[in-house]
Protein backbone atom coordinates (compact mmCIF):
# COMPACT_ATOMS: atom_id res chain seq x y z
CA UNK A 1 1.18 3.08 54.25
CA UNK A 2 -0.69 0.99 51.52
CA UNK A 3 -2.24 -2.61 52.84
CA UNK A 4 -1.91 -6.03 50.59
CA UNK A 5 -5.33 -5.61 49.56
CA UNK A 6 -5.32 -1.89 48.13
CA UNK A 7 -2.25 -2.72 46.64
CA UNK A 8 -4.04 -5.46 45.43
CA UNK A 9 -6.49 -3.33 44.75
CA UNK A 10 -4.52 -0.81 41.99
CA UNK A 11 -3.19 -3.98 40.21
CA UNK A 12 -6.86 -4.58 39.61
CA UNK A 13 -7.15 -1.16 38.11
CA UNK A 14 -4.28 -1.27 36.71
CA UNK A 15 -4.64 -4.94 34.54
CA UNK A 16 -8.24 -3.95 33.95
CA UNK A 17 -6.62 -0.51 32.31
CA UNK A 18 -3.92 -2.22 30.26
CA UNK A 19 -6.78 -5.13 29.06
CA UNK A 20 -8.85 -1.74 27.71
CA UNK A 21 -5.75 -0.39 25.80
CA UNK A 22 -5.24 -3.82 24.51
CA UNK A 23 -8.72 -4.32 23.60
CA UNK A 24 -8.34 -0.88 22.03
CA UNK A 25 -5.20 -1.24 19.83
CA UNK A 26 -6.96 -4.72 18.74
CA UNK A 27 -9.60 -3.09 16.99
CA UNK A 28 -7.94 -0.08 15.33
CA UNK A 29 -5.28 -2.93 14.24
CA UNK A 30 -8.57 -4.91 12.80
CA UNK A 31 -9.93 -1.81 10.71
CA UNK A 32 -6.22 -1.03 9.19
CA UNK A 33 -6.04 -4.45 7.80
CA UNK A 34 -10.18 -3.79 6.56
CA UNK A 35 -9.66 -0.45 5.42
CA UNK A 36 -5.80 -1.50 3.68
CA UNK A 37 -7.85 -4.71 2.02
CA UNK A 38 -10.46 -2.25 0.52
CA UNK A 39 -7.67 0.22 -0.46
CA UNK A 40 -5.33 -2.55 -1.63
CA UNK A 41 -8.44 -4.59 -3.59
CA UNK A 42 -8.27 -8.71 -4.01
CA UNK A 43 -5.01 -10.33 -3.99
CA UNK A 44 -4.03 -10.52 -7.33
CA UNK A 45 -3.30 -6.80 -7.50
CA UNK A 46 -0.92 -7.21 -4.44
CA UNK A 47 2.00 -7.54 -7.30
CA UNK A 48 1.42 -3.38 -7.91
CA UNK A 49 3.02 -3.00 -4.42
CA UNK A 50 6.03 -5.27 -4.32
CA UNK A 51 10.15 -2.48 -4.58
CA UNK A 52 10.10 -4.41 -8.05
CA UNK A 53 6.66 -2.38 -9.83
CA UNK A 54 6.84 0.38 -8.07
CA UNK A 55 10.51 1.22 -9.70
CA UNK A 56 8.79 0.34 -13.03
CA UNK A 57 6.36 2.63 -11.68
CA UNK A 58 9.00 5.50 -10.55
CA UNK A 59 11.21 5.03 -14.17
CA UNK A 60 7.62 5.24 -15.82
CA UNK A 61 7.17 8.38 -13.87
CA UNK A 62 10.88 10.11 -14.31
CA UNK A 63 10.21 8.87 -18.00
CA UNK A 64 6.80 10.89 -18.78
CA UNK A 65 7.80 14.01 -16.77
CA UNK A 66 10.74 14.57 -19.47
CA UNK A 67 8.54 14.29 -22.04
CA UNK A 68 10.43 11.11 -23.21
CA UNK A 69 7.25 9.49 -25.20
CA UNK A 70 4.93 9.59 -28.56
CA UNK A 71 1.22 10.08 -27.91
CA UNK A 72 -0.76 8.63 -30.70
CA UNK A 73 -4.41 9.45 -32.11
CA UNK A 74 -5.73 6.86 -32.28
CA UNK A 75 -5.11 2.78 -32.71
CA UNK A 76 -3.89 2.92 -36.30
CA UNK A 77 -1.39 5.63 -35.52
CA UNK A 78 0.01 3.49 -33.15
CA UNK A 79 0.63 0.18 -35.26
CA UNK A 80 2.28 2.00 -38.07
CA UNK A 81 4.42 3.28 -35.09
CA UNK A 82 5.28 0.03 -33.90
CA UNK A 83 5.63 -1.76 -36.96
CA UNK A 84 8.49 1.56 -38.44
CA UNK A 85 9.88 0.58 -35.46
CA UNK A 86 10.26 -2.90 -36.44
CA UNK A 87 11.13 -2.34 -40.38
CA UNK A 88 13.68 0.08 -39.02
CA UNK A 89 17.28 -1.24 -39.68
CA UNK A 90 19.51 -1.78 -35.96
């Protein structure tokens, strides 16, 4: 049969173990936050990870993989293409 002192000792050990686990989790959380901040960069770039922006990225990827794009040898060719689109009757 366990005594009150033994029960208190066991409880104290369990509390210390749980406290150590909490400290480990807090450290890991801090490391993850710092890693995410480095990965994501400044808050100026947080928009990139919004659902709306990611949806646009997915559409762009689909169009690119589907061949729905134009390539240009230089900036002048791009400008000529855009001007032709503007001048084209609807």
